[in-house]
C-alpha atoms as a PDB file:
ATOM      1  CA  MET A   1     -57.597   0.979  50.672  1.00  0.00           C
ATOM      2  CA  ALA A   2     -54.492  -1.137  51.170  1.00  0.00           C
ATOM      3  CA  GLU A   3     -51.380   0.935  50.499  1.00  0.00           C
ATOM      4  CA  PHE A   4     -47.849  -0.368  50.988  1.00  0.00           C
ATOM      5  CA  THR A   5     -44.496   1.404  51.147  1.00  0.00           C
ATOM      6  CA  GLU A   6     -42.402  -1.665  52.003  1.00  0.00           C
ATOM      7  CA  TYR A   7     -42.567  -5.452  52.342  1.00  0.00           C
ATOM      8  CA  ALA A   8     -40.870  -7.671  54.886  1.00  0.00           C
ATOM      9  CA  ALA A   9     -38.208  -9.990  53.507  1.00  0.00           C
ATOM     10  CA  GLY A  10     -39.789 -13.286  52.497  1.00  0.00           C
ATOM     11  CA  THR A  11     -43.080 -11.678  51.445  1.00  0.00           C
ATOM     12  CA  PRO A  12     -44.430 -11.702  47.879  1.00  0.00           C
ATOM     13  CA  SER A  13     -44.295  -8.054  46.871  1.00  0.00           C
ATOM     14  CA  TRP A  14     -44.743  -7.707  43.110  1.00  0.00           C
ATOM     15  CA  VAL A  15     -46.189  -9.425  40.047  1.00  0.00           C
ATOM     16  CA  ASP A  16     -45.620  -8.872  36.370  1.00  0.00           C
ATOM     17  CA  ILE A  17     -46.429 -10.466  33.049  1.00  0.00           C
ATOM     18  CA  GLY A  18     -44.302 -11.022  29.960  1.00  0.00           C
ATOM     19  CA  VAL A  19     -46.354 -11.009  26.770  1.00  0.00           C
ATOM     20  CA  HIS A  20     -45.861 -11.045  23.014  1.00  0.00           C
ATOM     21  CA  ASP A  21     -48.410  -8.262  22.409  1.00  0.00           C
ATOM     22  CA  ILE A  22     -48.062  -5.610  25.102  1.00  0.00           C
ATOM     23  CA  ASP A  23     -50.770  -3.322  23.735  1.00  0.00           C
ATOM     24  CA  ALA A  24     -53.291  -6.176  23.710  1.00  0.00           C
ATOM     25  CA  ALA A  25     -52.410  -7.098  27.289  1.00  0.00           C
ATOM     26  CA  VAL A  26     -52.714  -3.474  28.383  1.00  0.00           C
ATOM     27  CA  ALA A  27     -56.175  -3.261  26.809  1.00  0.00           C
ATOM     28  CA  PHE A  28     -57.378  -6.531  28.377  1.00  0.00           C
ATOM     29  CA  TYR A  29     -56.181  -5.944  31.925  1.00  0.00           C
ATOM     30  CA  GLY A  30     -57.018  -2.266  31.797  1.00  0.00           C
ATOM     31  CA  THR A  31     -60.618  -3.142  31.030  1.00  0.00           C
ATOM     32  CA  LEU A  32     -60.713  -5.952  33.584  1.00  0.00           C
ATOM     33  CA  PHE A  33     -59.126  -4.204  36.556  1.00  0.00           C
ATOM     34  CA  GLY A  34     -59.379  -0.503  35.769  1.00  0.00           C
ATOM     35  CA  TRP A  35     -55.631  -0.121  35.320  1.00  0.00           C
ATOM     36  CA  THR A  36     -53.949   2.771  33.594  1.00  0.00           C
ATOM     37  CA  VAL A  37     -50.687   1.563  32.078  1.00  0.00           C
ATOM     38  CA  ALA A  38     -47.958   4.159  31.820  1.00  0.00           C
ATOM     39  CA  LYS A  39     -45.851   4.563  28.700  1.00  0.00           C
ATOM     40  CA  ALA A  40     -42.586   2.651  28.786  1.00  0.00           C
ATOM     41  CA  ALA A  41     -39.594   4.699  29.913  1.00  0.00           C
ATOM     42  CA  PRO A  42     -36.832   5.035  27.287  1.00  0.00           C
ATOM     43  CA  ASP A  43     -34.435   2.845  29.288  1.00  0.00           C
ATOM     44  CA  SER A  44     -36.998   0.264  30.458  1.00  0.00           C
ATOM     45  CA  GLY A  45     -36.714  -2.232  27.605  1.00  0.00           C
ATOM     46  CA  GLY A  46     -40.436  -1.881  26.942  1.00  0.00           C
ATOM     47  CA  TYR A  47     -41.446  -2.633  30.550  1.00  0.00           C
ATOM     48  CA  ARG A  48     -44.501  -0.676  31.637  1.00  0.00           C
ATOM     49  CA  MET A  49     -46.096   0.008  35.025  1.00  0.00           C
ATOM     50  CA  ALA A  50     -49.790  -0.654  35.577  1.00  0.00           C
ATOM     51  CA  LEU A  51     -51.363   1.927  37.865  1.00  0.00           C
ATOM     52  CA  LEU A  52     -54.538   2.027  39.918  1.00  0.00           C
ATOM     53  CA  ARG A  53     -55.374   5.375  41.519  1.00  0.00           C
ATOM     54  CA  GLU A  54     -51.925   6.452  40.284  1.00  0.00           C
ATOM     55  CA  LYS A  55     -50.239   3.752  42.403  1.00  0.00           C
ATOM     56  CA  ALA A  56     -48.105   0.971  40.884  1.00  0.00           C
ATOM     57  CA  VAL A  57     -49.848  -2.405  41.087  1.00  0.00           C
ATOM     58  CA  ALA A  58     -48.213  -4.664  38.447  1.00  0.00           C
ATOM     59  CA  GLY A  59     -45.798  -4.744  35.541  1.00  0.00           C
ATOM     60  CA  VAL A  60     -46.380  -5.495  31.850  1.00  0.00           C
ATOM     61  CA  GLY A  61     -43.410  -6.180  29.631  1.00  0.00           C
ATOM     62  CA  PRO A  62     -42.167  -8.085  26.586  1.00  0.00           C
ATOM     63  CA  ALA A  63     -41.931 -11.878  26.842  1.00  0.00           C
ATOM     64  CA  GLN A  64     -38.409 -13.118  27.468  1.00  0.00           C
ATOM     65  CA  ASP A  65     -38.912 -16.520  25.834  1.00  0.00           C
ATOM     66  CA  PRO A  66     -41.076 -17.988  23.048  1.00  0.00           C
ATOM     67  CA  GLY A  67     -43.360 -19.911  25.406  1.00  0.00           C
ATOM     68  CA  PRO A  68     -46.848 -18.865  26.476  1.00  0.00           C
ATOM     69  CA  PRO A  69     -47.140 -15.614  28.448  1.00  0.00           C
ATOM     70  CA  ARG A  70     -47.224 -15.996  32.209  1.00  0.00           C
ATOM     71  CA  TRP A  71     -47.626 -14.034  35.388  1.00  0.00           C
ATOM     72  CA  THR A  72     -44.588 -14.047  37.678  1.00  0.00           C
ATOM     73  CA  THR A  73     -44.488 -13.548  41.442  1.00  0.00           C
ATOM     74  CA  TYR A  74     -41.544 -11.758  43.065  1.00  0.00           C
ATOM     75  CA  VAL A  75     -40.641 -12.399  46.702  1.00  0.00           C
ATOM     76  CA  SER A  76     -38.974  -9.504  48.499  1.00  0.00           C
ATOM     77  CA  VAL A  77     -35.547 -10.362  49.955  1.00  0.00           C
ATOM     78  CA  ALA A  78     -32.917  -8.461  51.909  1.00  0.00           C
ATOM     79  CA  ASP A  79     -30.069  -9.669  49.691  1.00  0.00           C
ATOM     80  CA  ALA A  80     -30.624 -11.256  46.278  1.00  0.00           C
ATOM     81  CA  ASP A  81     -27.140 -12.792  46.171  1.00  0.00           C
ATOM     82  CA  THR A  82     -27.488 -14.455  49.571  1.00  0.00           C
ATOM     83  CA  THR A  83     -30.935 -15.791  48.672  1.00  0.00           C
ATOM     84  CA  THR A  84     -29.628 -17.118  45.357  1.00  0.00           C
ATOM     85  CA  ALA A  85     -26.942 -19.033  47.243  1.00  0.00           C
ATOM     86  CA  ALA A  86     -29.674 -20.458  49.506  1.00  0.00           C
ATOM     87  CA  VAL A  87     -31.642 -21.526  46.428  1.00  0.00           C
ATOM     88  CA  ARG A  88     -28.676 -23.546  45.171  1.00  0.00           C
ATOM     89  CA  GLU A  89     -28.004 -25.017  48.608  1.00  0.00           C
ATOM     90  CA  ALA A  90     -31.635 -26.160  48.868  1.00  0.00           C
ATOM     91  CA  GLY A  91     -31.593 -27.878  45.450  1.00  0.00           C
ATOM     92  CA  GLY A  92     -33.080 -25.162  43.248  1.00  0.00           C
ATOM     93  CA  THR A  93     -31.784 -24.095  39.834  1.00  0.00           C
ATOM     94  CA  VAL A  94     -30.800 -20.489  39.153  1.00  0.00           C
ATOM     95  CA  LEU A  95     -32.198 -19.382  35.786  1.00  0.00           C
ATOM     96  CA  LEU A  96     -31.134 -15.735  35.954  1.00  0.00           C
ATOM     97  CA  GLU A  97     -28.237 -14.691  38.162  1.00  0.00           C
ATOM     98  CA  PRO A  98     -28.753 -11.662  40.410  1.00  0.00           C
ATOM     99  CA  MET A  99     -28.767  -8.496  38.324  1.00  0.00           C
ATOM    100  CA  ASP A 100     -29.428  -4.830  38.934  1.00  0.00           C
ATOM    101  CA  VAL A 101     -32.495  -3.282  37.305  1.00  0.00           C
ATOM    102  CA  LEU A 102     -31.303   0.304  36.996  1.00  0.00           C
ATOM    103  CA  ASP A 103     -31.852   1.846  40.436  1.00  0.00           C
ATOM    104  CA  ALA A 104     -35.180   0.062  40.936  1.00  0.00           C
ATOM    105  CA  GLY A 105     -33.696  -2.978  42.658  1.00  0.00           C
ATOM    106  CA  ARG A 106     -31.892  -6.262  42.153  1.00  0.00           C
ATOM    107  CA  MET A 107     -33.554  -9.455  40.939  1.00  0.00           C
ATOM    108  CA  ALA A 108     -32.934 -13.118  40.186  1.00  0.00           C
ATOM    109  CA  VAL A 109     -35.033 -15.961  38.790  1.00  0.00           C
ATOM    110  CA  PHE A 110     -34.913 -19.599  39.842  1.00  0.00           C
ATOM    111  CA  SER A 111     -36.828 -22.847  39.654  1.00  0.00           C
ATOM    112  CA  ASP A 112     -37.476 -24.894  42.764  1.00  0.00           C
ATOM    113  CA  PRO A 113     -36.550 -28.617  42.896  1.00  0.00           C
ATOM    114  CA  THR A 114     -39.948 -29.501  41.376  1.00  0.00           C
ATOM    115  CA  GLY A 115     -39.319 -27.244  38.359  1.00  0.00           C
ATOM    116  CA  VAL A 116     -41.587 -24.319  39.271  1.00  0.00           C
ATOM    117  CA  VAL A 117     -40.286 -20.821  38.498  1.00  0.00           C
ATOM    118  CA  LEU A 118     -40.261 -17.933  40.973  1.00  0.00           C
ATOM    119  CA  SER A 119     -38.436 -14.593  41.137  1.00  0.00           C
ATOM    120  CA  ILE A 120     -36.869 -12.617  43.969  1.00  0.00           C
ATOM    121  CA  TRP A 121     -36.624  -8.859  44.380  1.00  0.00           C
ATOM    122  CA  GLN A 122     -34.162  -6.891  46.486  1.00  0.00           C
ATOM    123  CA  PRO A 123     -35.820  -3.473  46.599  1.00  0.00           C
ATOM    124  CA  GLY A 124     -34.114  -0.269  45.612  1.00  0.00           C
ATOM    125  CA  GLN A 125     -36.251   2.651  44.469  1.00  0.00           C
ATOM    126  CA  HIS A 126     -39.039   0.203  43.634  1.00  0.00           C
ATOM    127  CA  ARG A 127     -40.332  -1.373  46.840  1.00  0.00           C
ATOM    128  CA  GLY A 128     -43.137  -3.453  45.344  1.00  0.00           C
ATOM    129  CA  ALA A 129     -46.857  -3.030  44.723  1.00  0.00           C
ATOM    130  CA  GLN A 130     -48.061   0.248  46.205  1.00  0.00           C
ATOM    131  CA  LEU A 131     -51.610  -1.110  46.391  1.00  0.00           C
ATOM    132  CA  ALA A 132     -52.479  -4.738  47.177  1.00  0.00           C
ATOM    133  CA  ASN A 133     -55.180  -6.903  48.732  1.00  0.00           C
ATOM    134  CA  GLU A 134     -58.067  -4.963  47.233  1.00  0.00           C
ATOM    135  CA  PRO A 135     -60.114  -5.105  43.999  1.00  0.00           C
ATOM    136  CA  GLY A 136     -57.949  -4.729  40.916  1.00  0.00           C
ATOM    137  CA  THR A 137     -54.695  -5.552  42.709  1.00  0.00           C
ATOM    138  CA  PHE A 138     -52.497  -8.527  43.514  1.00  0.00           C
ATOM    139  CA  CYS A 139     -53.795 -10.319  46.599  1.00  0.00           C
ATOM    140  CA  TRP A 140     -52.306 -13.847  46.792  1.00  0.00           C
ATOM    141  CA  SER A 141     -49.804 -16.229  45.220  1.00  0.00           C
ATOM    142  CA  GLU A 142     -50.380 -19.962  45.275  1.00  0.00           C
ATOM    143  CA  LEU A 143     -48.043 -22.792  44.368  1.00  0.00           C
ATOM    144  CA  ASN A 144     -49.867 -25.505  42.438  1.00  0.00           C
ATOM    145  CA  SER A 145     -47.632 -28.534  43.020  1.00  0.00           C
ATOM    146  CA  ARG A 146     -47.519 -32.306  42.539  1.00  0.00           C
ATOM    147  CA  ASP A 147     -44.761 -32.697  45.135  1.00  0.00           C
ATOM    148  CA  THR A 148     -45.824 -30.592  48.070  1.00  0.00           C
ATOM    149  CA  GLU A 149     -43.416 -32.203  50.537  1.00  0.00           C
ATOM    150  CA  THR A 150     -40.337 -31.353  48.466  1.00  0.00           C
ATOM    151  CA  ALA A 151     -41.663 -27.868  47.731  1.00  0.00           C
ATOM    152  CA  ALA A 152     -42.424 -27.124  51.379  1.00  0.00           C
ATOM    153  CA  ALA A 153     -38.926 -28.138  52.481  1.00  0.00           C
ATOM    154  CA  PHE A 154     -37.340 -25.976  49.793  1.00  0.00           C
ATOM    155  CA  TYR A 155     -39.295 -22.795  50.562  1.00  0.00           C
ATOM    156  CA  GLU A 156     -38.697 -23.187  54.278  1.00  0.00           C
ATOM    157  CA  ALA A 157     -34.955 -23.445  53.625  1.00  0.00           C
ATOM    158  CA  VAL A 158     -34.898 -20.431  51.292  1.00  0.00           C
ATOM    159  CA  PHE A 159     -37.448 -18.038  52.811  1.00  0.00           C
ATOM    160  CA  GLY A 160     -38.172 -19.467  56.253  1.00  0.00           C
ATOM    161  CA  TRP A 161     -41.760 -20.287  55.324  1.00  0.00           C
ATOM    162  CA  LYS A 162     -43.505 -22.784  57.604  1.00  0.00           C
ATOM    163  CA  ALA A 163     -46.098 -25.044  55.969  1.00  0.00           C
ATOM    164  CA  ASP A 164     -49.445 -24.993  57.796  1.00  0.00           C
ATOM    165  CA  THR A 165     -51.618 -27.664  56.171  1.00  0.00           C
ATOM    166  CA  THR A 166     -55.299 -28.318  56.775  1.00  0.00           C
ATOM    167  CA  THR A 167     -57.214 -31.286  55.367  1.00  0.00           C
ATOM    168  CA  GLU A 168     -60.831 -30.184  55.797  1.00  0.00           C
ATOM    169  CA  PRO A 169     -62.843 -29.601  53.725  1.00  0.00           C
ATOM    170  CA  THR A 170     -59.959 -30.159  51.281  1.00  0.00           C
ATOM    171  CA  GLN A 171     -56.196 -30.211  51.711  1.00  0.00           C
ATOM    172  CA  TYR A 172     -54.574 -26.799  51.492  1.00  0.00           C
ATOM    173  CA  THR A 173     -51.313 -25.357  52.764  1.00  0.00           C
ATOM    174  CA  GLN A 174     -50.618 -21.827  53.876  1.00  0.00           C
ATOM    175  CA  PHE A 175     -47.004 -20.720  54.025  1.00  0.00           C
ATOM    176  CA  VAL A 176     -46.526 -18.808  57.266  1.00  0.00           C
ATOM    177  CA  LEU A 177     -43.743 -16.322  58.019  1.00  0.00           C
ATOM    178  CA  ASP A 178     -43.477 -14.676  61.432  1.00  0.00           C
ATOM    179  CA  GLY A 179     -47.021 -15.754  62.268  1.00  0.00           C
ATOM    180  CA  ARG A 180     -48.568 -14.373  59.063  1.00  0.00           C
ATOM    181  CA  SER A 181     -49.767 -16.251  55.982  1.00  0.00           C
ATOM    182  CA  VAL A 182     -47.814 -15.002  52.961  1.00  0.00           C
ATOM    183  CA  ALA A 183     -48.633 -17.553  50.225  1.00  0.00           C
ATOM    184  CA  GLY A 184     -50.473 -20.803  49.610  1.00  0.00           C
ATOM    185  CA  MET A 185     -49.908 -24.257  48.162  1.00  0.00           C
ATOM    186  CA  LEU A 186     -52.383 -26.607  46.512  1.00  0.00           C
ATOM    187  CA  ASP A 187     -51.735 -30.276  45.798  1.00  0.00           C
ATOM    188  CA  MET A 188     -52.565 -30.660  42.087  1.00  0.00           C
ATOM    189  CA  ALA A 189     -52.548 -34.470  42.154  1.00  0.00           C
ATOM    190  CA  GLY A 190     -55.960 -35.780  41.096  1.00  0.00           C
ATOM    191  CA  ARG A 191     -57.362 -32.257  40.809  1.00  0.00           C
ATOM    192  CA  VAL A 192     -55.721 -30.815  37.720  1.00  0.00           C
ATOM    193  CA  PRO A 193     -55.171 -32.516  34.328  1.00  0.00           C
ATOM    194  CA  ASP A 194     -51.709 -34.063  33.978  1.00  0.00           C
ATOM    195  CA  GLU A 195     -50.839 -31.858  31.006  1.00  0.00           C
ATOM    196  CA  VAL A 196     -51.013 -28.733  33.182  1.00  0.00           C
ATOM    197  CA  PRO A 197     -47.517 -28.107  34.590  1.00  0.00           C
ATOM    198  CA  ALA A 198     -46.944 -27.174  38.215  1.00  0.00           C
ATOM    199  CA  HIS A 199     -46.858 -23.395  38.610  1.00  0.00           C
ATOM    200  CA  TRP A 200     -47.244 -20.355  40.822  1.00  0.00           C
ATOM    201  CA  LEU A 201     -50.729 -18.883  40.321  1.00  0.00           C
ATOM    202  CA  VAL A 202     -51.259 -15.142  40.824  1.00  0.00           C
ATOM    203  CA  TYR A 203     -54.579 -13.965  42.306  1.00  0.00           C
ATOM    204  CA  PHE A 204     -56.104 -10.518  41.836  1.00  0.00           C
ATOM    205  CA  GLY A 205     -58.822  -9.056  44.026  1.00  0.00           C
ATOM    206  CA  SER A 206     -62.325  -8.551  42.667  1.00  0.00           C
ATOM    207  CA  ALA A 207     -65.378  -6.901  44.196  1.00  0.00           C
ATOM    208  CA  ASP A 208     -67.566  -9.119  41.972  1.00  0.00           C
ATOM    209  CA  VAL A 209     -65.984 -12.365  40.770  1.00  0.00           C
ATOM    210  CA  ASP A 210     -68.879 -13.259  38.492  1.00  0.00           C
ATOM    211  CA  GLY A 211     -68.801  -9.801  36.941  1.00  0.00           C
ATOM    212  CA  THR A 212     -65.030 -10.031  36.406  1.00  0.00           C
ATOM    213  CA  VAL A 213     -65.419 -13.450  34.778  1.00  0.00           C
ATOM    214  CA  ALA A 214     -68.097 -12.105  32.440  1.00  0.00           C
ATOM    215  CA  ALA A 215     -65.895  -9.123  31.550  1.00  0.00           C
ATOM    216  CA  ALA A 216     -62.927 -11.405  30.851  1.00  0.00           C
ATOM    217  CA  GLN A 217     -65.027 -13.522  28.497  1.00  0.00           C
ATOM    218  CA  GLN A 218     -66.349 -10.401  26.794  1.00  0.00           C
ATOM    219  CA  GLU A 219     -62.731  -9.347  26.115  1.00  0.00           C
ATOM    220  CA  GLY A 220     -61.690 -12.734  24.735  1.00  0.00           C
ATOM    221  CA  GLY A 221     -60.506 -14.444  27.912  1.00  0.00           C
ATOM    222  CA  GLN A 222     -61.145 -18.037  28.984  1.00  0.00           C
ATOM    223  CA  VAL A 223     -62.600 -19.555  32.155  1.00  0.00           C
ATOM    224  CA  PHE A 224     -60.782 -22.617  33.496  1.00  0.00           C
ATOM    225  CA  VAL A 225     -62.299 -22.926  36.984  1.00  0.00           C
ATOM    226  CA  GLY A 226     -65.433 -21.488  38.523  1.00  0.00           C
ATOM    227  CA  PRO A 227     -66.683 -19.081  39.514  1.00  0.00           C
ATOM    228  CA  MET A 228     -67.092 -21.135  42.678  1.00  0.00           C
ATOM    229  CA  ASP A 229     -67.247 -20.751  46.435  1.00  0.00           C
ATOM    230  CA  ILE A 230     -64.535 -22.046  48.760  1.00  0.00           C
ATOM    231  CA  PRO A 231     -64.271 -21.610  52.544  1.00  0.00           C
ATOM    232  CA  ALA A 232     -62.195 -18.445  52.114  1.00  0.00           C
ATOM    233  CA  GLY A 233     -64.559 -16.851  49.598  1.00  0.00           C
ATOM    234  CA  ARG A 234     -65.424 -16.932  45.892  1.00  0.00           C
ATOM    235  CA  PHE A 235     -62.871 -17.307  43.119  1.00  0.00           C
ATOM    236  CA  ALA A 236     -62.253 -18.246  39.489  1.00  0.00           C
ATOM    237  CA  VAL A 237     -59.239 -19.196  37.388  1.00  0.00           C
ATOM    238  CA  LEU A 238     -59.029 -17.404  34.042  1.00  0.00           C
ATOM    239  CA  GLY A 239     -56.843 -17.161  30.971  1.00  0.00           C
ATOM    240  CA  ASP A 240     -56.196 -13.948  29.088  1.00  0.00           C
ATOM    241  CA  PRO A 241     -56.462 -13.848  25.255  1.00  0.00           C
ATOM    242  CA  GLN A 242     -52.723 -14.572  24.932  1.00  0.00           C
ATOM    243  CA  GLY A 243     -52.870 -17.622  27.201  1.00  0.00           C
ATOM    244  CA  ALA A 244     -51.577 -16.311  30.542  1.00  0.00           C
ATOM    245  CA  VAL A 245     -53.392 -17.918  33.486  1.00  0.00           C
ATOM    246  CA  PHE A 246     -54.422 -15.984  36.604  1.00  0.00           C
ATOM    247  CA  ALA A 247     -57.107 -16.100  39.277  1.00  0.00           C
ATOM    248  CA  VAL A 248     -59.555 -13.639  40.770  1.00  0.00           C
ATOM    249  CA  PHE A 249     -60.770 -13.726  44.343  1.00  0.00           C
ATOM    250  CA  HIS A 250     -63.555 -11.825  46.066  1.00  0.00           C
ATOM    251  CA  MET A 251     -62.128  -8.824  47.902  1.00  0.00           C
ATOM    252  CA  PRO A 252     -64.839  -6.541  49.321  1.00  0.00           C
ATOM    253  CA  ALA A 253     -64.502  -3.003  48.030  1.00  0.00           C
ATOM    254  CA  SER A 254     -63.139  -0.688  50.734  1.00  0.00           C
END
């Protein structure tokens, strides 16, 4: 079990998805990960909490734009307004100014200088995922980029992340904060078709990647990559029936 009551500033702490058919998304991810999705509170705007063992693990809400549904990563920050100023200073674009979400916390949305969208979360009553890094929960966020040098400089300026890049067996970057890896970065150039935009990819833990892939296909999902082994373990990149892309990674059951 991996329970959390708080997250250090600069650490990814929450993920959610905006979809056009919430009930369909609830059914798909509930089947895939064993989530129970609570009814939307009257003042939530349709936003619903996904629970595992009665602990909050992700959010499901209505899409805020007409584009394809997508998973969003939130990075915990001490002060959303100060971080938003740092985003501008480092060359990012603020898409949603800092705003309070009832008493849950304060959030903002921005795109980095390469055009990739990320959100920040200043915790109030909602601290972040109460379970993480285990099957059925958020376990990693990875920037898929075609300009890793620009991206690395930006995230260091905004969050203090240090880029630790290895080249064997393939090039991969881990973003390190206070000696701990908090996120990853993959160079998409030559690996991913040009029509796929740069993006942050959300990973969920799985005790059986192949079984999760089969279940996703059974429920109308797509397989884009894998299942395949990498030095860190076994993973796959999937799409849900509404087109949102996510990944699953082998996390041994505790």
